[in-house]
């Protein structure tokens, strides 16, 4: 999943980047509301973590502007203010959820999981295809019950393909959702990771799961395909 963190406190922003990256998220950052609004408008994110007190536009203005532009990416608003009226203003401006600073990191993750489930529809706890199973919360992968040793990047690519099962996903789409912006435009890295994944999840006893569609990308076929 790709997350935009809009936070002007460097220590908080860096801690969020480290923590979310360790959980398999792809994280972009902005340190002011103006840049945050532009990034959230120009790019597709699964969720936005938005501070309230920001240089330029504040979090309320960013959330309201996004909704006025019909950008419906779920927003988790962070603030050091704990007054009920502040919470109400955040929700009224277009935020989907609210978390007060200081916050527990496991609670933050739980809020993010809840937001993506709620906004994008019911999501299965475990993603499956042809004996392959990926648990996004635990970041574990098995094939016919046997655990597989995959990297965080491999798990991110596999999760994206599984969530779009039955749909051909282009290399550029995988780059956008599974790598940071510095790797955009380099499809070779996608080919390398998919090749490594195939070596780990496909054997003579466990046939192909990820199919290459020449000139278009990759697909994990649904059972109905």
C-alpha atoms as a PDB file:
ATOM      1  CA  UNK A   1       0.000   0.000   0.000  1.00  0.00           C
ATOM      2  CA  UNK A   2       1.137   3.540  -0.743  1.00  0.00           C
ATOM      3  CA  UNK A   3       0.826   6.123   2.044  1.00  0.00           C
ATOM      4  CA  UNK A   4       1.276   9.888   1.998  1.00  0.00           C
ATOM      5  CA  UNK A   5       2.496  11.340   5.310  1.00  0.00           C
ATOM      6  CA  UNK A   6       2.030  15.120   5.614  1.00  0.00           C
ATOM      7  CA  UNK A   7       3.899  16.107   8.779  1.00  0.00           C
ATOM      8  CA  UNK A   8       6.160  19.103   9.456  1.00  0.00           C
ATOM      9  CA  UNK A   9       7.911  17.743  12.565  1.00  0.00           C
ATOM     10  CA  UNK A  10      11.011  15.960  11.156  1.00  0.00           C
ATOM     11  CA  UNK A  11      11.340  13.488  14.031  1.00  0.00           C
ATOM     12  CA  UNK A  12       7.689  12.446  13.829  1.00  0.00           C
ATOM     13  CA  UNK A  13       7.777  12.215  10.037  1.00  0.00           C
ATOM     14  CA  UNK A  14      10.956  10.117  10.051  1.00  0.00           C
ATOM     15  CA  UNK A  15       9.587   7.794  12.732  1.00  0.00           C
ATOM     16  CA  UNK A  16       6.446   7.267  10.664  1.00  0.00           C
ATOM     17  CA  UNK A  17       8.490   6.566   7.534  1.00  0.00           C
ATOM     18  CA  UNK A  18      10.687   4.025   9.324  1.00  0.00           C
ATOM     19  CA  UNK A  19       7.784   2.312  11.041  1.00  0.00           C
ATOM     20  CA  UNK A  20       5.452   2.173   8.046  1.00  0.00           C
ATOM     21  CA  UNK A  21       8.223   1.056   5.701  1.00  0.00           C
ATOM     22  CA  UNK A  22       9.078  -1.768   8.104  1.00  0.00           C
ATOM     23  CA  UNK A  23       5.428  -2.843   7.892  1.00  0.00           C
ATOM     24  CA  UNK A  24       5.633  -3.032   4.094  1.00  0.00           C
ATOM     25  CA  UNK A  25       4.036   0.315   3.244  1.00  0.00           C
ATOM     26  CA  UNK A  26       5.457   2.551   0.508  1.00  0.00           C
ATOM     27  CA  UNK A  27       5.698   6.018   2.038  1.00  0.00           C
ATOM     28  CA  UNK A  28       5.890   9.482   0.458  1.00  0.00           C
ATOM     29  CA  UNK A  29       6.210  12.597   2.622  1.00  0.00           C
ATOM     30  CA  UNK A  30       5.450  16.289   2.525  1.00  0.00           C
ATOM     31  CA  UNK A  31       6.399  18.791   5.247  1.00  0.00           C
ATOM     32  CA  UNK A  32       3.783  21.441   4.480  1.00  0.00           C
ATOM     33  CA  UNK A  33       0.139  21.571   3.533  1.00  0.00           C
ATOM     34  CA  UNK A  34       0.638  23.107   0.087  1.00  0.00           C
ATOM     35  CA  UNK A  35       2.953  20.328  -1.101  1.00  0.00           C
ATOM     36  CA  UNK A  36       0.792  17.730   0.619  1.00  0.00           C
ATOM     37  CA  UNK A  37      -2.301  18.891  -1.241  1.00  0.00           C
ATOM     38  CA  UNK A  38      -0.456  18.847  -4.572  1.00  0.00           C
ATOM     39  CA  UNK A  39       0.930  15.335  -4.002  1.00  0.00           C
ATOM     40  CA  UNK A  40      -2.427  13.984  -2.847  1.00  0.00           C
ATOM     41  CA  UNK A  41      -4.111  15.497  -5.911  1.00  0.00           C
ATOM     42  CA  UNK A  42      -1.553  14.350  -8.482  1.00  0.00           C
ATOM     43  CA  UNK A  43      -0.898  10.818  -7.153  1.00  0.00           C
ATOM     44  CA  UNK A  44      -2.954   7.805  -6.121  1.00  0.00           C
ATOM     45  CA  UNK A  45      -2.580   6.839  -2.459  1.00  0.00           C
ATOM     46  CA  UNK A  46      -4.301   4.157  -0.427  1.00  0.00           C
ATOM     47  CA  UNK A  47      -4.379   6.378   2.669  1.00  0.00           C
ATOM     48  CA  UNK A  48      -3.147   9.800   3.819  1.00  0.00           C
ATOM     49  CA  UNK A  49      -1.736  10.539   7.295  1.00  0.00           C
ATOM     50  CA  UNK A  50      -2.315  14.267   7.737  1.00  0.00           C
ATOM     51  CA  UNK A  51      -1.115  16.526  10.549  1.00  0.00           C
ATOM     52  CA  UNK A  52      -3.334  19.478  11.493  1.00  0.00           C
ATOM     53  CA  UNK A  53      -0.771  22.180  12.306  1.00  0.00           C
ATOM     54  CA  UNK A  54       1.178  22.614   9.052  1.00  0.00           C
ATOM     55  CA  UNK A  55       2.988  25.480   7.289  1.00  0.00           C
ATOM     56  CA  UNK A  56       1.074  26.905   4.360  1.00  0.00           C
ATOM     57  CA  UNK A  57      -2.302  25.176   4.316  1.00  0.00           C
ATOM     58  CA  UNK A  58      -3.301  23.506   7.568  1.00  0.00           C
ATOM     59  CA  UNK A  59      -4.647  19.967   7.719  1.00  0.00           C
ATOM     60  CA  UNK A  60      -8.258  21.106   7.784  1.00  0.00           C
ATOM     61  CA  UNK A  61      -7.759  23.109   4.580  1.00  0.00           C
ATOM     62  CA  UNK A  62      -5.956  20.231   2.876  1.00  0.00           C
ATOM     63  CA  UNK A  63      -8.711  17.750   3.726  1.00  0.00           C
ATOM     64  CA  UNK A  64     -11.458  20.144   2.665  1.00  0.00           C
ATOM     65  CA  UNK A  65      -9.696  20.967  -0.629  1.00  0.00           C
ATOM     66  CA  UNK A  66      -9.253  17.295  -1.455  1.00  0.00           C
ATOM     67  CA  UNK A  67     -12.936  16.562  -0.868  1.00  0.00           C
ATOM     68  CA  UNK A  68     -13.961  19.592  -2.933  1.00  0.00           C
ATOM     69  CA  UNK A  69     -11.844  18.160  -5.767  1.00  0.00           C
ATOM     70  CA  UNK A  70     -13.586  14.802  -5.308  1.00  0.00           C
ATOM     71  CA  UNK A  71     -10.444  13.075  -4.083  1.00  0.00           C
ATOM     72  CA  UNK A  72     -11.768  10.417  -1.733  1.00  0.00           C
ATOM     73  CA  UNK A  73      -8.534   8.881  -0.438  1.00  0.00           C
ATOM     74  CA  UNK A  74      -9.099   8.007   3.244  1.00  0.00           C
ATOM     75  CA  UNK A  75      -7.493  10.527   5.615  1.00  0.00           C
ATOM     76  CA  UNK A  76      -6.204   9.844   9.125  1.00  0.00           C
ATOM     77  CA  UNK A  77      -5.739  13.217  10.814  1.00  0.00           C
ATOM     78  CA  UNK A  78      -3.084  13.651  13.514  1.00  0.00           C
ATOM     79  CA  UNK A  79      -3.073  16.473  16.046  1.00  0.00           C
ATOM     80  CA  UNK A  80      -1.685  17.501  19.410  1.00  0.00           C
ATOM     81  CA  UNK A  81      -5.016  19.190  20.150  1.00  0.00           C
ATOM     82  CA  UNK A  82      -7.416  17.054  22.151  1.00  0.00           C
ATOM     83  CA  UNK A  83     -10.492  19.275  22.365  1.00  0.00           C
ATOM     84  CA  UNK A  84     -13.687  17.671  21.087  1.00  0.00           C
ATOM     85  CA  UNK A  85     -14.371  20.708  18.897  1.00  0.00           C
ATOM     86  CA  UNK A  86     -11.004  20.226  17.178  1.00  0.00           C
ATOM     87  CA  UNK A  87     -11.894  16.605  16.486  1.00  0.00           C
ATOM     88  CA  UNK A  88     -15.267  17.664  15.131  1.00  0.00           C
ATOM     89  CA  UNK A  89     -13.684  20.274  12.866  1.00  0.00           C
ATOM     90  CA  UNK A  90     -11.301  17.676  11.462  1.00  0.00           C
ATOM     91  CA  UNK A  91     -14.078  15.244  10.667  1.00  0.00           C
ATOM     92  CA  UNK A  92     -16.282  17.972   9.237  1.00  0.00           C
ATOM     93  CA  UNK A  93     -13.457  19.107   6.942  1.00  0.00           C
ATOM     94  CA  UNK A  94     -13.355  15.679   5.316  1.00  0.00           C
ATOM     95  CA  UNK A  95     -11.083  13.498   7.453  1.00  0.00           C
ATOM     96  CA  UNK A  96     -12.205   9.908   7.945  1.00  0.00           C
ATOM     97  CA  UNK A  97     -10.525   9.263  11.283  1.00  0.00           C
ATOM     98  CA  UNK A  98      -8.700  11.142  14.025  1.00  0.00           C
ATOM     99  CA  UNK A  99      -5.726  10.300  16.256  1.00  0.00           C
ATOM    100  CA  UNK A 100      -4.321  12.527  19.007  1.00  0.00           C
ATOM    101  CA  UNK A 101      -0.596  12.962  19.664  1.00  0.00           C
ATOM    102  CA  UNK A 102       1.205  11.348  21.324  1.00  0.00           C
ATOM    103  CA  UNK A 103      -0.108   8.063  19.950  1.00  0.00           C
ATOM    104  CA  UNK A 104       0.789   4.417  20.254  1.00  0.00           C
ATOM    105  CA  UNK A 105       2.295   3.083  17.027  1.00  0.00           C
ATOM    106  CA  UNK A 106       0.269  -0.174  17.110  1.00  0.00           C
ATOM    107  CA  UNK A 107      -2.877   1.951  17.475  1.00  0.00           C
ATOM    108  CA  UNK A 108      -1.850   4.029  14.450  1.00  0.00           C
ATOM    109  CA  UNK A 109      -1.451   0.847  12.390  1.00  0.00           C
ATOM    110  CA  UNK A 110      -4.836  -0.398  13.560  1.00  0.00           C
ATOM    111  CA  UNK A 111      -6.437   2.893  12.475  1.00  0.00           C
ATOM    112  CA  UNK A 112      -4.816   2.621   9.036  1.00  0.00           C
ATOM    113  CA  UNK A 113      -5.993  -0.968   8.580  1.00  0.00           C
ATOM    114  CA  UNK A 114      -9.501   0.001   9.653  1.00  0.00           C
ATOM    115  CA  UNK A 115      -9.574   2.936   7.231  1.00  0.00           C
ATOM    116  CA  UNK A 116      -8.530   0.899   4.213  1.00  0.00           C
ATOM    117  CA  UNK A 117     -10.989  -1.869   5.044  1.00  0.00           C
ATOM    118  CA  UNK A 118     -13.822   0.575   5.586  1.00  0.00           C
ATOM    119  CA  UNK A 119     -13.205   2.741   2.537  1.00  0.00           C
ATOM    120  CA  UNK A 120     -12.192   0.148  -0.034  1.00  0.00           C
ATOM    121  CA  UNK A 121     -14.728  -2.454   0.989  1.00  0.00           C
ATOM    122  CA  UNK A 122     -14.418  -5.626   2.983  1.00  0.00           C
ATOM    123  CA  UNK A 123     -10.961  -7.148   2.627  1.00  0.00           C
ATOM    124  CA  UNK A 124     -10.166 -10.749   3.427  1.00  0.00           C
ATOM    125  CA  UNK A 125      -7.806 -11.253   6.358  1.00  0.00           C
ATOM    126  CA  UNK A 126      -5.710 -13.593   4.188  1.00  0.00           C
ATOM    127  CA  UNK A 127      -5.236 -13.211   0.429  1.00  0.00           C
ATOM    128  CA  UNK A 128      -5.162 -16.502  -1.483  1.00  0.00           C
ATOM    129  CA  UNK A 129      -4.604 -17.968  -4.942  1.00  0.00           C
ATOM    130  CA  UNK A 130      -3.731 -21.525  -6.059  1.00  0.00           C
ATOM    131  CA  UNK A 131      -2.575 -22.698  -2.647  1.00  0.00           C
ATOM    132  CA  UNK A 132      -0.699 -19.458  -2.012  1.00  0.00           C
ATOM    133  CA  UNK A 133      -1.682 -17.430   1.070  1.00  0.00           C
ATOM    134  CA  UNK A 134      -0.491 -14.006   2.198  1.00  0.00           C
ATOM    135  CA  UNK A 135      -1.433 -12.525   5.564  1.00  0.00           C
ATOM    136  CA  UNK A 136      -0.968  -8.730   5.133  1.00  0.00           C
ATOM    137  CA  UNK A 137      -1.125  -8.008   8.868  1.00  0.00           C
ATOM    138  CA  UNK A 138       1.468 -10.604   9.855  1.00  0.00           C
ATOM    139  CA  UNK A 139       3.442 -10.191   6.592  1.00  0.00           C
ATOM    140  CA  UNK A 140       3.663 -13.970   6.183  1.00  0.00           C
ATOM    141  CA  UNK A 141       3.403 -16.031   3.002  1.00  0.00           C
ATOM    142  CA  UNK A 142       2.727 -19.762   2.680  1.00  0.00           C
ATOM    143  CA  UNK A 143       2.290 -22.165  -0.238  1.00  0.00           C
ATOM    144  CA  UNK A 144       0.202 -25.245   0.488  1.00  0.00           C
ATOM    145  CA  UNK A 145       0.750 -24.550   4.190  1.00  0.00           C
ATOM    146  CA  UNK A 146       4.550 -24.343   3.985  1.00  0.00           C
ATOM    147  CA  UNK A 147       6.054 -20.984   5.068  1.00  0.00           C
ATOM    148  CA  UNK A 148       8.017 -19.011   2.468  1.00  0.00           C
ATOM    149  CA  UNK A 149      10.824 -16.555   3.170  1.00  0.00           C
ATOM    150  CA  UNK A 150       9.977 -13.387   1.221  1.00  0.00           C
ATOM    151  CA  UNK A 151      11.362  -9.879   1.576  1.00  0.00           C
ATOM    152  CA  UNK A 152       9.221  -6.866   2.398  1.00  0.00           C
ATOM    153  CA  UNK A 153       9.376  -5.681  -1.223  1.00  0.00           C
ATOM    154  CA  UNK A 154       8.414  -9.114  -2.530  1.00  0.00           C
ATOM    155  CA  UNK A 155       5.501  -9.230  -0.109  1.00  0.00           C
ATOM    156  CA  UNK A 156       4.360  -5.767  -1.241  1.00  0.00           C
ATOM    157  CA  UNK A 157       4.374  -6.788  -4.917  1.00  0.00           C
ATOM    158  CA  UNK A 158       2.620 -10.059  -4.154  1.00  0.00           C
ATOM    159  CA  UNK A 159      -0.013  -8.311  -2.037  1.00  0.00           C
ATOM    160  CA  UNK A 160      -0.764  -5.808  -4.797  1.00  0.00           C
ATOM    161  CA  UNK A 161      -1.128  -8.557  -7.391  1.00  0.00           C
ATOM    162  CA  UNK A 162      -3.354 -10.607  -5.080  1.00  0.00           C
ATOM    163  CA  UNK A 163      -5.567  -7.616  -4.274  1.00  0.00           C
ATOM    164  CA  UNK A 164      -6.015  -7.120  -8.023  1.00  0.00           C
ATOM    165  CA  UNK A 165      -6.450 -10.810  -8.809  1.00  0.00           C
ATOM    166  CA  UNK A 166      -7.864 -11.342 -12.277  1.00  0.00           C
ATOM    167  CA  UNK A 167      -6.638  -7.923 -13.469  1.00  0.00           C
ATOM    168  CA  UNK A 168      -3.462  -7.309 -15.472  1.00  0.00           C
ATOM    169  CA  UNK A 169      -1.186  -4.963 -13.501  1.00  0.00           C
ATOM    170  CA  UNK A 170       1.437  -2.984 -15.415  1.00  0.00           C
ATOM    171  CA  UNK A 171       5.040  -2.615 -14.290  1.00  0.00           C
ATOM    172  CA  UNK A 172       4.553   1.133 -13.928  1.00  0.00           C
ATOM    173  CA  UNK A 173       1.585   0.560 -11.615  1.00  0.00           C
ATOM    174  CA  UNK A 174       3.660  -1.796  -9.458  1.00  0.00           C
ATOM    175  CA  UNK A 175       6.466   0.778  -9.390  1.00  0.00           C
ATOM    176  CA  UNK A 176       4.059   3.454  -8.250  1.00  0.00           C
ATOM    177  CA  UNK A 177       2.512   1.406  -5.459  1.00  0.00           C
ATOM    178  CA  UNK A 178       5.437  -0.740  -4.282  1.00  0.00           C
ATOM    179  CA  UNK A 179       8.493   1.526  -4.619  1.00  0.00           C
ATOM    180  CA  UNK A 180       9.314   5.046  -3.525  1.00  0.00           C
ATOM    181  CA  UNK A 181       9.294   7.857  -6.054  1.00  0.00           C
ATOM    182  CA  UNK A 182      13.064   7.652  -6.694  1.00  0.00           C
ATOM    183  CA  UNK A 183      12.626   4.318  -8.507  1.00  0.00           C
ATOM    184  CA  UNK A 184       9.786   5.414 -10.787  1.00  0.00           C
ATOM    185  CA  UNK A 185      10.578   4.840 -14.447  1.00  0.00           C
ATOM    186  CA  UNK A 186      12.858   1.830 -13.886  1.00  0.00           C
ATOM    187  CA  UNK A 187      10.770  -1.246 -14.784  1.00  0.00           C
ATOM    188  CA  UNK A 188      13.793  -3.539 -14.508  1.00  0.00           C
ATOM    189  CA  UNK A 189      13.474  -3.564 -10.721  1.00  0.00           C
ATOM    190  CA  UNK A 190       9.940  -4.953 -11.061  1.00  0.00           C
ATOM    191  CA  UNK A 191      11.156  -7.734 -13.321  1.00  0.00           C
ATOM    192  CA  UNK A 192      13.875  -8.664 -10.805  1.00  0.00           C
ATOM    193  CA  UNK A 193      11.471  -8.835  -7.860  1.00  0.00           C
ATOM    194  CA  UNK A 194       8.845 -10.815  -9.796  1.00  0.00           C
ATOM    195  CA  UNK A 195      11.554 -13.253 -10.914  1.00  0.00           C
ATOM    196  CA  UNK A 196      12.666 -13.744  -7.291  1.00  0.00           C
ATOM    197  CA  UNK A 197       9.064 -14.221  -6.207  1.00  0.00           C
ATOM    198  CA  UNK A 198       8.473 -16.863  -8.827  1.00  0.00           C
ATOM    199  CA  UNK A 199      11.549 -18.802  -7.726  1.00  0.00           C
ATOM    200  CA  UNK A 200      10.195 -18.861  -4.181  1.00  0.00           C
ATOM    201  CA  UNK A 201       6.498 -19.579  -4.761  1.00  0.00           C
ATOM    202  CA  UNK A 202       6.543 -21.775  -7.886  1.00  0.00           C
ATOM    203  CA  UNK A 203       7.945 -25.327  -8.019  1.00  0.00           C
ATOM    204  CA  UNK A 204       7.240 -28.504  -9.963  1.00  0.00           C
ATOM    205  CA  UNK A 205       4.740 -29.469  -7.266  1.00  0.00           C
ATOM    206  CA  UNK A 206       3.342 -25.915  -6.999  1.00  0.00           C
ATOM    207  CA  UNK A 207       2.741 -24.532 -10.498  1.00  0.00           C
ATOM    208  CA  UNK A 208       2.808 -20.953 -11.772  1.00  0.00           C
ATOM    209  CA  UNK A 209       0.801 -18.299  -9.960  1.00  0.00           C
ATOM    210  CA  UNK A 210       2.086 -15.055 -11.495  1.00  0.00           C
ATOM    211  CA  UNK A 211       1.500 -14.897 -15.246  1.00  0.00           C
ATOM    212  CA  UNK A 212       3.302 -12.510 -17.597  1.00  0.00           C
ATOM    213  CA  UNK A 213       1.082 -10.788 -20.138  1.00  0.00           C
ATOM    214  CA  UNK A 214       3.487  -9.718 -22.856  1.00  0.00           C
ATOM    215  CA  UNK A 215       3.623  -5.964 -23.324  1.00  0.00           C
ATOM    216  CA  UNK A 216       1.124  -5.320 -20.518  1.00  0.00           C
ATOM    217  CA  UNK A 217       2.385  -6.604 -17.164  1.00  0.00           C
ATOM    218  CA  UNK A 218       1.499  -9.374 -14.726  1.00  0.00           C
ATOM    219  CA  UNK A 219      -1.645 -11.063 -13.490  1.00  0.00           C
ATOM    220  CA  UNK A 220      -2.667 -13.601 -10.899  1.00  0.00           C
ATOM    221  CA  UNK A 221      -5.671 -15.288 -12.415  1.00  0.00           C
ATOM    222  CA  UNK A 222      -8.827 -15.578 -10.355  1.00  0.00           C
ATOM    223  CA  UNK A 223     -10.323 -19.005  -9.907  1.00  0.00           C
ATOM    224  CA  UNK A 224     -13.083 -18.053 -12.342  1.00  0.00           C
ATOM    225  CA  UNK A 225     -10.638 -16.983 -15.099  1.00  0.00           C
END
